[in-house]
Amino acid sequence: MSYIRAEQILPEELIRAIQQYVSGKSIYIPCKEKKSWGSQTKTKQFYLTRNAEISLKHRSGLSVKSLAEAYSLSEKSIQRILRSIAQTDKTEGL
């Protein structure tokens, strides 16, 4: 994370007002519009695709243990993925 000096972008009055609450410390100011997780990278799509593949392979007869080995995940993670997909299917009426 890169820092921007307050003096470069904020009016002096605002800096003084902020200094009443915190002086000489780093603070985080969140974005006005929060972007959803994975919206700026392909990570979200990667996991959606991977999890769909896991579900499809499980439905085709592969065991949780073999899926865990194939995807380098724990059996608990595979079970969590399968539960999540089953829950999504229920809510979407599939």
PDB file of N, CA and C in Angstrom:
ATOM      1  N   MET A   1       0.851  -1.167   0.000  1.00  0.00           N
ATOM      2  CA  MET A   1       0.000   0.000   0.000  1.00  0.00           C
ATOM      3  C   MET A   1       0.899   1.234   0.000  1.00  0.00           C
ATOM      4  N   SER A   2       0.591   2.170  -0.845  1.00  0.00           N
ATOM      5  CA  SER A   2       1.363   3.409  -0.872  1.00  0.00           C
ATOM      6  C   SER A   2       0.611   4.486  -0.092  1.00  0.00           C
ATOM      7  N   TYR A   3       1.362   5.368   0.499  1.00  0.00           N
ATOM      8  CA  TYR A   3       0.778   6.437   1.289  1.00  0.00           C
ATOM      9  C   TYR A   3       0.848   7.750   0.521  1.00  0.00           C
ATOM     10  N   ILE A   4      -0.122   8.586   0.789  1.00  0.00           N
ATOM     11  CA  ILE A   4      -0.162   9.924   0.215  1.00  0.00           C
ATOM     12  C   ILE A   4      -0.104  10.890   1.396  1.00  0.00           C
ATOM     13  N   ARG A   5       0.734  11.869   1.297  1.00  0.00           N
ATOM     14  CA  ARG A   5       0.843  12.861   2.378  1.00  0.00           C
ATOM     15  C   ARG A   5      -0.419  13.721   2.383  1.00  0.00           C
ATOM     16  N   ALA A   6      -1.003  13.853   3.554  1.00  0.00           N
ATOM     17  CA  ALA A   6      -2.240  14.613   3.702  1.00  0.00           C
ATOM     18  C   ALA A   6      -2.083  16.037   3.190  1.00  0.00           C
ATOM     19  N   GLU A   7      -0.905  16.627   3.428  1.00  0.00           N
ATOM     20  CA  GLU A   7      -0.673  18.015   3.013  1.00  0.00           C
ATOM     21  C   GLU A   7      -0.768  18.184   1.498  1.00  0.00           C
ATOM     22  N   GLN A   8      -0.570  17.107   0.775  1.00  0.00           N
ATOM     23  CA  GLN A   8      -0.600  17.183  -0.690  1.00  0.00           C
ATOM     24  C   GLN A   8      -2.018  17.192  -1.251  1.00  0.00           C
ATOM     25  N   ILE A   9      -2.982  16.681  -0.481  1.00  0.00           N
ATOM     26  CA  ILE A   9      -4.322  16.548  -1.059  1.00  0.00           C
ATOM     27  C   ILE A   9      -5.458  17.146  -0.225  1.00  0.00           C
ATOM     28  N   LEU A  10      -5.220  17.362   1.060  1.00  0.00           N
ATOM     29  CA  LEU A  10      -6.309  17.846   1.912  1.00  0.00           C
ATOM     30  C   LEU A  10      -6.125  19.311   2.277  1.00  0.00           C
ATOM     31  N   PRO A  11      -7.233  20.028   2.430  1.00  0.00           N
ATOM     32  CA  PRO A  11      -7.137  21.423   2.875  1.00  0.00           C
ATOM     33  C   PRO A  11      -6.607  21.480   4.320  1.00  0.00           C
ATOM     34  N   GLU A  12      -5.898  22.545   4.634  1.00  0.00           N
ATOM     35  CA  GLU A  12      -5.275  22.705   5.948  1.00  0.00           C
ATOM     36  C   GLU A  12      -6.298  22.606   7.084  1.00  0.00           C
ATOM     37  N   GLU A  13      -7.500  23.181   6.881  1.00  0.00           N
ATOM     38  CA  GLU A  13      -8.538  23.132   7.921  1.00  0.00           C
ATOM     39  C   GLU A  13      -8.944  21.686   8.228  1.00  0.00           C
ATOM     40  N   LEU A  14      -9.037  20.882   7.206  1.00  0.00           N
ATOM     41  CA  LEU A  14      -9.423  19.484   7.392  1.00  0.00           C
ATOM     42  C   LEU A  14      -8.326  18.712   8.128  1.00  0.00           C
ATOM     43  N   ILE A  15      -7.083  18.986   7.790  1.00  0.00           N
ATOM     44  CA  ILE A  15      -5.962  18.345   8.480  1.00  0.00           C
ATOM     45  C   ILE A  15      -6.006  18.685   9.965  1.00  0.00           C
ATOM     46  N   ARG A  16      -6.237  19.947  10.285  1.00  0.00           N
ATOM     47  CA  ARG A  16      -6.311  20.351  11.701  1.00  0.00           C
ATOM     48  C   ARG A  16      -7.476  19.657  12.409  1.00  0.00           C
ATOM     49  N   ALA A  17      -8.595  19.507  11.718  1.00  0.00           N
ATOM     50  CA  ALA A  17      -9.748  18.834  12.324  1.00  0.00           C
ATOM     51  C   ALA A  17      -9.430  17.359  12.593  1.00  0.00           C
ATOM     52  N   ILE A  18      -8.778  16.708  11.661  1.00  0.00           N
ATOM     53  CA  ILE A  18      -8.399  15.301  11.843  1.00  0.00           C
ATOM     54  C   ILE A  18      -7.389  15.169  12.978  1.00  0.00           C
ATOM     55  N   GLN A  19      -6.467  16.125  13.083  1.00  0.00           N
ATOM     56  CA  GLN A  19      -5.445  16.084  14.129  1.00  0.00           C
ATOM     57  C   GLN A  19      -6.046  16.156  15.535  1.00  0.00           C
ATOM     58  N   GLN A  20      -7.253  16.673  15.663  1.00  0.00           N
ATOM     59  CA  GLN A  20      -7.907  16.693  16.976  1.00  0.00           C
ATOM     60  C   GLN A  20      -8.229  15.273  17.447  1.00  0.00           C
ATOM     61  N   TYR A  21      -8.420  14.355  16.499  1.00  0.00           N
ATOM     62  CA  TYR A  21      -8.768  12.980  16.826  1.00  0.00           C
ATOM     63  C   TYR A  21      -7.561  12.048  16.801  1.00  0.00           C
ATOM     64  N   VAL A  22      -6.671  12.271  15.845  1.00  0.00           N
ATOM     65  CA  VAL A  22      -5.488  11.434  15.703  1.00  0.00           C
ATOM     66  C   VAL A  22      -4.375  12.291  15.119  1.00  0.00           C
ATOM     67  N   SER A  23      -3.228  12.285  15.778  1.00  0.00           N
ATOM     68  CA  SER A  23      -2.131  13.118  15.320  1.00  0.00           C
ATOM     69  C   SER A  23      -0.870  12.275  15.173  1.00  0.00           C
ATOM     70  N   GLY A  24      -0.279  12.308  14.009  1.00  0.00           N
ATOM     71  CA  GLY A  24       0.960  11.590  13.778  1.00  0.00           C
ATOM     72  C   GLY A  24       0.793  10.100  13.582  1.00  0.00           C
ATOM     73  N   LYS A  25      -0.412   9.631  13.402  1.00  0.00           N
ATOM     74  CA  LYS A  25      -0.686   8.203  13.196  1.00  0.00           C
ATOM     75  C   LYS A  25      -1.190   7.980  11.780  1.00  0.00           C
ATOM     76  N   SER A  26      -1.009   6.760  11.307  1.00  0.00           N
ATOM     77  CA  SER A  26      -1.561   6.387  10.003  1.00  0.00           C
ATOM     78  C   SER A  26      -3.016   5.988  10.202  1.00  0.00           C
ATOM     79  N   ILE A  27      -3.867   6.461   9.319  1.00  0.00           N
ATOM     80  CA  ILE A  27      -5.277   6.057   9.366  1.00  0.00           C
ATOM     81  C   ILE A  27      -5.685   5.565   7.985  1.00  0.00           C
ATOM     82  N   TYR A  28      -6.675   4.705   7.961  1.00  0.00           N
ATOM     83  CA  TYR A  28      -7.213   4.180   6.708  1.00  0.00           C
ATOM     84  C   TYR A  28      -8.536   4.867   6.436  1.00  0.00           C
ATOM     85  N   ILE A  29      -8.695   5.384   5.239  1.00  0.00           N
ATOM     86  CA  ILE A  29      -9.955   5.998   4.825  1.00  0.00           C
ATOM     87  C   ILE A  29     -10.535   5.115   3.725  1.00  0.00           C
ATOM     88  N   PRO A  30     -11.656   4.449   3.999  1.00  0.00           N
ATOM     89  CA  PRO A  30     -12.217   3.517   3.017  1.00  0.00           C
ATOM     90  C   PRO A  30     -12.784   4.222   1.789  1.00  0.00           C
ATOM     91  N   CYS A  31     -12.897   3.481   0.722  1.00  0.00           N
ATOM     92  CA  CYS A  31     -13.493   3.996  -0.521  1.00  0.00           C
ATOM     93  C   CYS A  31     -14.973   4.288  -0.291  1.00  0.00           C
ATOM     94  N   LYS A  32     -15.496   5.244  -1.039  1.00  0.00           N
ATOM     95  CA  LYS A  32     -16.921   5.545  -0.944  1.00  0.00           C
ATOM     96  C   LYS A  32     -17.742   4.372  -1.470  1.00  0.00           C
ATOM     97  N   GLU A  33     -17.302   3.791  -2.569  1.00  0.00           N
ATOM     98  CA  GLU A  33     -18.015   2.671  -3.172  1.00  0.00           C
ATOM     99  C   GLU A  33     -17.180   1.421  -2.969  1.00  0.00           C
ATOM    100  N   LYS A  34     -17.718   0.507  -2.198  1.00  0.00           N
ATOM    101  CA  LYS A  34     -16.993  -0.728  -1.951  1.00  0.00           C
ATOM    102  C   LYS A  34     -17.258  -1.687  -3.112  1.00  0.00           C
ATOM    103  N   LYS A  35     -16.178  -2.176  -3.693  1.00  0.00           N
ATOM    104  CA  LYS A  35     -16.293  -3.130  -4.788  1.00  0.00           C
ATOM    105  C   LYS A  35     -16.382  -4.526  -4.203  1.00  0.00           C
ATOM    106  N   SER A  36     -17.130  -5.383  -4.850  1.00  0.00           N
ATOM    107  CA  SER A  36     -17.269  -6.741  -4.339  1.00  0.00           C
ATOM    108  C   SER A  36     -15.967  -7.517  -4.517  1.00  0.00           C
ATOM    109  N   TRP A  37     -15.776  -8.482  -3.623  1.00  0.00           N
ATOM    110  CA  TRP A  37     -14.560  -9.274  -3.619  1.00  0.00           C
ATOM    111  C   TRP A  37     -14.360  -9.955  -4.971  1.00  0.00           C
ATOM    112  N   GLY A  38     -13.169  -9.859  -5.504  1.00  0.00           N
ATOM    113  CA  GLY A  38     -12.831 -10.526  -6.748  1.00  0.00           C
ATOM    114  C   GLY A  38     -13.287  -9.802  -8.000  1.00  0.00           C
ATOM    115  N   SER A  39     -13.890  -8.632  -7.854  1.00  0.00           N
ATOM    116  CA  SER A  39     -14.414  -7.936  -9.032  1.00  0.00           C
ATOM    117  C   SER A  39     -13.304  -7.317  -9.876  1.00  0.00           C
ATOM    118  N   GLN A  40     -12.130  -7.120  -9.315  1.00  0.00           N
ATOM    119  CA  GLN A  40     -11.047  -6.498 -10.058  1.00  0.00           C
ATOM    120  C   GLN A  40     -10.011  -7.504 -10.552  1.00  0.00           C
ATOM    121  N   THR A  41     -10.159  -8.746 -10.147  1.00  0.00           N
ATOM    122  CA  THR A  41      -9.237  -9.798 -10.587  1.00  0.00           C
ATOM    123  C   THR A  41     -10.061 -10.969 -11.099  1.00  0.00           C
ATOM    124  N   LYS A  42      -9.397 -11.993 -11.531  1.00  0.00           N
ATOM    125  CA  LYS A  42     -10.096 -13.184 -12.017  1.00  0.00           C
ATOM    126  C   LYS A  42     -10.213 -14.249 -10.922  1.00  0.00           C
ATOM    127  N   THR A  43      -9.875 -13.884  -9.697  1.00  0.00           N
ATOM    128  CA  THR A  43      -9.886 -14.837  -8.597  1.00  0.00           C
ATOM    129  C   THR A  43     -11.268 -15.415  -8.343  1.00  0.00           C
ATOM    130  N   LYS A  44     -12.267 -14.559  -8.281  1.00  0.00           N
ATOM    131  CA  LYS A  44     -13.622 -15.025  -8.005  1.00  0.00           C
ATOM    132  C   LYS A  44     -14.075 -16.013  -9.079  1.00  0.00           C
ATOM    133  N   GLN A  45     -13.823 -15.693 -10.332  1.00  0.00           N
ATOM    134  CA  GLN A  45     -14.215 -16.587 -11.422  1.00  0.00           C
ATOM    135  C   GLN A  45     -13.457 -17.908 -11.352  1.00  0.00           C
ATOM    136  N   PHE A  46     -12.175 -17.842 -10.984  1.00  0.00           N
ATOM    137  CA  PHE A  46     -11.372 -19.053 -10.853  1.00  0.00           C
ATOM    138  C   PHE A  46     -12.008 -20.000  -9.843  1.00  0.00           C
ATOM    139  N   TYR A  47     -12.371 -19.485  -8.654  1.00  0.00           N
ATOM    140  CA  TYR A  47     -12.945 -20.333  -7.618  1.00  0.00           C
ATOM    141  C   TYR A  47     -14.341 -20.826  -7.993  1.00  0.00           C
ATOM    142  N   LEU A  48     -15.124 -20.007  -8.647  1.00  0.00           N
ATOM    143  CA  LEU A  48     -16.448 -20.462  -9.094  1.00  0.00           C
ATOM    144  C   LEU A  48     -16.323 -21.618 -10.080  1.00  0.00           C
ATOM    145  N   THR A  49     -15.397 -21.486 -11.021  1.00  0.00           N
ATOM    146  CA  THR A  49     -15.175 -22.544 -12.013  1.00  0.00           C
ATOM    147  C   THR A  49     -14.649 -23.809 -11.342  1.00  0.00           C
ATOM    148  N   ARG A  50     -13.640 -23.635 -10.467  1.00  0.00           N
ATOM    149  CA  ARG A  50     -13.072 -24.792  -9.767  1.00  0.00           C
ATOM    150  C   ARG A  50     -14.133 -25.512  -8.944  1.00  0.00           C
ATOM    151  N   ASN A  51     -14.936 -24.766  -8.215  1.00  0.00           N
ATOM    152  CA  ASN A  51     -15.949 -25.380  -7.361  1.00  0.00           C
ATOM    153  C   ASN A  51     -17.027 -26.080  -8.173  1.00  0.00           C
ATOM    154  N   ALA A  52     -17.381 -25.520  -9.323  1.00  0.00           N
ATOM    155  CA  ALA A  52     -18.347 -26.179 -10.209  1.00  0.00           C
ATOM    156  C   ALA A  52     -17.778 -27.494 -10.735  1.00  0.00           C
ATOM    157  N   GLU A  53     -16.489 -27.503 -11.063  1.00  0.00           N
ATOM    158  CA  GLU A  53     -15.832 -28.737 -11.514  1.00  0.00           C
ATOM    159  C   GLU A  53     -15.850 -29.786 -10.406  1.00  0.00           C
ATOM    160  N   ILE A  54     -15.567 -29.363  -9.190  1.00  0.00           N
ATOM    161  CA  ILE A  54     -15.572 -30.286  -8.058  1.00  0.00           C
ATOM    162  C   ILE A  54     -16.960 -30.888  -7.886  1.00  0.00           C
ATOM    163  N   SER A  55     -17.979 -30.059  -7.955  1.00  0.00           N
ATOM    164  CA  SER A  55     -19.353 -30.543  -7.816  1.00  0.00           C
ATOM    165  C   SER A  55     -19.706 -31.530  -8.920  1.00  0.00           C
ATOM    166  N   LEU A  56     -19.351 -31.195 -10.148  1.00  0.00           N
ATOM    167  CA  LEU A  56     -19.650 -32.066 -11.288  1.00  0.00           C
ATOM    168  C   LEU A  56     -18.948 -33.416 -11.147  1.00  0.00           C
ATOM    169  N   LYS A  57     -17.694 -33.386 -10.752  1.00  0.00           N
ATOM    170  CA  LYS A  57     -16.943 -34.635 -10.577  1.00  0.00           C
ATOM    171  C   LYS A  57     -17.506 -35.464  -9.432  1.00  0.00           C
ATOM    172  N   HIS A  58     -17.965 -34.799  -8.381  1.00  0.00           N
ATOM    173  CA  HIS A  58     -18.568 -35.518  -7.253  1.00  0.00           C
ATOM    174  C   HIS A  58     -19.870 -36.180  -7.687  1.00  0.00           C
ATOM    175  N   ARG A  59     -20.654 -35.462  -8.467  1.00  0.00           N
ATOM    176  CA  ARG A  59     -21.914 -36.022  -8.982  1.00  0.00           C
ATOM    177  C   ARG A  59     -21.658 -37.192  -9.931  1.00  0.00           C
ATOM    178  N   SER A  60     -20.488 -37.177 -10.556  1.00  0.00           N
ATOM    179  CA  SER A  60     -20.117 -38.266 -11.469  1.00  0.00           C
ATOM    180  C   SER A  60     -19.558 -39.474 -10.728  1.00  0.00           C
ATOM    181  N   GLY A  61     -19.417 -39.356  -9.419  1.00  0.00           N
ATOM    182  CA  GLY A  61     -19.015 -40.506  -8.631  1.00  0.00           C
ATOM    183  C   GLY A  61     -17.673 -40.424  -7.918  1.00  0.00           C
ATOM    184  N   LEU A  62     -16.919 -39.362  -8.109  1.00  0.00           N
ATOM    185  CA  LEU A  62     -15.645 -39.257  -7.402  1.00  0.00           C
ATOM    186  C   LEU A  62     -15.895 -38.997  -5.920  1.00  0.00           C
ATOM    187  N   SER A  63     -15.093 -39.619  -5.101  1.00  0.00           N
ATOM    188  CA  SER A  63     -15.247 -39.472  -3.654  1.00  0.00           C
ATOM    189  C   SER A  63     -14.670 -38.141  -3.182  1.00  0.00           C
ATOM    190  N   VAL A  64     -15.078 -37.751  -1.992  1.00  0.00           N
ATOM    191  CA  VAL A  64     -14.556 -36.529  -1.375  1.00  0.00           C
ATOM    192  C   VAL A  64     -13.049 -36.662  -1.200  1.00  0.00           C
ATOM    193  N   LYS A  65     -12.604 -37.835  -0.792  1.00  0.00           N
ATOM    194  CA  LYS A  65     -11.175 -38.063  -0.562  1.00  0.00           C
ATOM    195  C   LYS A  65     -10.376 -37.885  -1.855  1.00  0.00           C
ATOM    196  N   SER A  66     -10.846 -38.462  -2.956  1.00  0.00           N
ATOM    197  CA  SER A  66     -10.113 -38.338  -4.221  1.00  0.00           C
ATOM    198  C   SER A  66     -10.137 -36.901  -4.740  1.00  0.00           C
ATOM    199  N   LEU A  67     -11.242 -36.196  -4.536  1.00  0.00           N
ATOM    200  CA  LEU A  67     -11.306 -34.782  -4.937  1.00  0.00           C
ATOM    201  C   LEU A  67     -10.341 -33.936  -4.106  1.00  0.00           C
ATOM    202  N   ALA A  68     -10.259 -34.224  -2.812  1.00  0.00           N
ATOM    203  CA  ALA A  68      -9.342 -33.493  -1.939  1.00  0.00           C
ATOM    204  C   ALA A  68      -7.907 -33.679  -2.420  1.00  0.00           C
ATOM    205  N   GLU A  69      -7.553 -34.897  -2.786  1.00  0.00           N
ATOM    206  CA  GLU A  69      -6.202 -35.161  -3.288  1.00  0.00           C
ATOM    207  C   GLU A  69      -5.957 -34.473  -4.629  1.00  0.00           C
ATOM    208  N   ALA A  70      -6.939 -34.551  -5.517  1.00  0.00           N
ATOM    209  CA  ALA A  70      -6.784 -33.975  -6.856  1.00  0.00           C
ATOM    210  C   ALA A  70      -6.642 -32.454  -6.824  1.00  0.00           C
ATOM    211  N   TYR A  71      -7.342 -31.798  -5.897  1.00  0.00           N
ATOM    212  CA  TYR A  71      -7.336 -30.339  -5.841  1.00  0.00           C
ATOM    213  C   TYR A  71      -6.453 -29.792  -4.715  1.00  0.00           C
ATOM    214  N   SER A  72      -5.728 -30.670  -4.042  1.00  0.00           N
ATOM    215  CA  SER A  72      -4.845 -30.272  -2.930  1.00  0.00           C
ATOM    216  C   SER A  72      -5.594 -29.484  -1.862  1.00  0.00           C
ATOM    217  N   LEU A  73      -6.757 -29.984  -1.520  1.00  0.00           N
ATOM    218  CA  LEU A  73      -7.588 -29.380  -0.482  1.00  0.00           C
ATOM    219  C   LEU A  73      -7.875 -30.434   0.582  1.00  0.00           C
ATOM    220  N   SER A  74      -8.310 -29.990   1.743  1.00  0.00           N
ATOM    221  CA  SER A  74      -8.705 -30.952   2.775  1.00  0.00           C
ATOM    222  C   SER A  74     -10.085 -31.504   2.430  1.00  0.00           C
ATOM    223  N   GLU A  75     -10.383 -32.653   3.019  1.00  0.00           N
ATOM    224  CA  GLU A  75     -11.711 -33.233   2.799  1.00  0.00           C
ATOM    225  C   GLU A  75     -12.793 -32.295   3.329  1.00  0.00           C
ATOM    226  N   LYS A  76     -12.507 -31.613   4.438  1.00  0.00           N
ATOM    227  CA  LYS A  76     -13.465 -30.640   4.991  1.00  0.00           C
ATOM    228  C   LYS A  76     -13.741 -29.511   4.001  1.00  0.00           C
ATOM    229  N   SER A  77     -12.697 -29.059   3.294  1.00  0.00           N
ATOM    230  CA  SER A  77     -12.885 -27.987   2.300  1.00  0.00           C
ATOM    231  C   SER A  77     -13.760 -28.464   1.152  1.00  0.00           C
ATOM    232  N   ILE A  78     -13.531 -29.683   0.702  1.00  0.00           N
ATOM    233  CA  ILE A  78     -14.356 -30.242  -0.377  1.00  0.00           C
ATOM    234  C   ILE A  78     -15.804 -30.342   0.093  1.00  0.00           C
ATOM    235  N   GLN A  79     -16.016 -30.842   1.305  1.00  0.00           N
ATOM    236  CA  GLN A  79     -17.378 -30.947   1.839  1.00  0.00           C
ATOM    237  C   GLN A  79     -18.037 -29.572   1.937  1.00  0.00           C
ATOM    238  N   ARG A  80     -17.271 -28.577   2.347  1.00  0.00           N
ATOM    239  CA  ARG A  80     -17.795 -27.205   2.459  1.00  0.00           C
ATOM    240  C   ARG A  80     -18.209 -26.691   1.079  1.00  0.00           C
ATOM    241  N   ILE A  81     -17.383 -26.944   0.072  1.00  0.00           N
ATOM    242  CA  ILE A  81     -17.692 -26.518  -1.297  1.00  0.00           C
ATOM    243  C   ILE A  81     -18.961 -27.203  -1.785  1.00  0.00           C
ATOM    244  N   LEU A  82     -19.063 -28.502  -1.554  1.00  0.00           N
ATOM    245  CA  LEU A  82     -20.240 -29.255  -2.008  1.00  0.00           C
ATOM    246  C   LEU A  82     -21.508 -28.779  -1.300  1.00  0.00           C
ATOM    247  N   ARG A  83     -21.401 -28.502   0.004  1.00  0.00           N
ATOM    248  CA  ARG A  83     -22.559 -27.970   0.737  1.00  0.00           C
ATOM    249  C   ARG A  83     -22.976 -26.611   0.202  1.00  0.00           C
ATOM    250  N   SER A  84     -21.992 -25.774  -0.071  1.00  0.00           N
ATOM    251  CA  SER A  84     -22.266 -24.429  -0.575  1.00  0.00           C
ATOM    252  C   SER A  84     -22.980 -24.486  -1.925  1.00  0.00           C
ATOM    253  N   ILE A  85     -22.511 -25.364  -2.788  1.00  0.00           N
ATOM    254  CA  ILE A  85     -23.135 -25.493  -4.110  1.00  0.00           C
ATOM    255  C   ILE A  85     -24.531 -26.075  -3.984  1.00  0.00           C
ATOM    256  N   ALA A  86     -24.710 -27.061  -3.095  1.00  0.00           N
ATOM    257  CA  ALA A  86     -26.041 -27.648  -2.882  1.00  0.00           C
ATOM    258  C   ALA A  86     -27.006 -26.587  -2.356  1.00  0.00           C
ATOM    259  N   GLN A  87     -26.516 -25.730  -1.455  1.00  0.00           N
ATOM    260  CA  GLN A  87     -27.351 -24.657  -0.911  1.00  0.00           C
ATOM    261  C   GLN A  87     -27.720 -23.654  -2.001  1.00  0.00           C
ATOM    262  N   THR A  88     -26.751 -23.314  -2.853  1.00  0.00           N
ATOM    263  CA  THR A  88     -27.011 -22.394  -3.959  1.00  0.00           C
ATOM    264  C   THR A  88     -28.046 -22.989  -4.919  1.00  0.00           C
ATOM    265  N   ASP A  89     -27.917 -24.288  -5.207  1.00  0.00           N
ATOM    266  CA  ASP A  89     -28.854 -24.956  -6.097  1.00  0.00           C
ATOM    267  C   ASP A  89     -30.274 -24.911  -5.512  1.00  0.00           C
ATOM    268  N   LYS A  90     -30.388 -25.101  -4.193  1.00  0.00           N
ATOM    269  CA  LYS A  90     -31.702 -25.055  -3.538  1.00  0.00           C
ATOM    270  C   LYS A  90     -32.328 -23.670  -3.643  1.00  0.00           C
ATOM    271  N   THR A  91     -31.530 -22.637  -3.389  1.00  0.00           N
ATOM    272  CA  THR A  91     -32.066 -21.283  -3.405  1.00  0.00           C
ATOM    273  C   THR A  91     -32.421 -20.829  -4.809  1.00  0.00           C
ATOM    274  N   GLU A  92     -31.736 -21.397  -5.799  1.00  0.00           N
ATOM    275  CA  GLU A  92     -32.036 -21.026  -7.189  1.00  0.00           C
ATOM    276  C   GLU A  92     -33.047 -21.956  -7.824  1.00  0.00           C
ATOM    277  N   GLY A  93     -33.545 -22.927  -7.041  1.00  0.00           N
ATOM    278  CA  GLY A  93     -34.572 -23.827  -7.532  1.00  0.00           C
ATOM    279  C   GLY A  93     -34.074 -24.871  -8.504  1.00  0.00           C
ATOM    280  N   LEU A  94     -32.811 -25.230  -8.434  1.00  0.00           N
ATOM    281  CA  LEU A  94     -32.264 -26.246  -9.339  1.00  0.00           C
ATOM    282  C   LEU A  94     -32.383 -27.624  -8.760  1.00  0.00           C
TER     283      LEU A  94
END
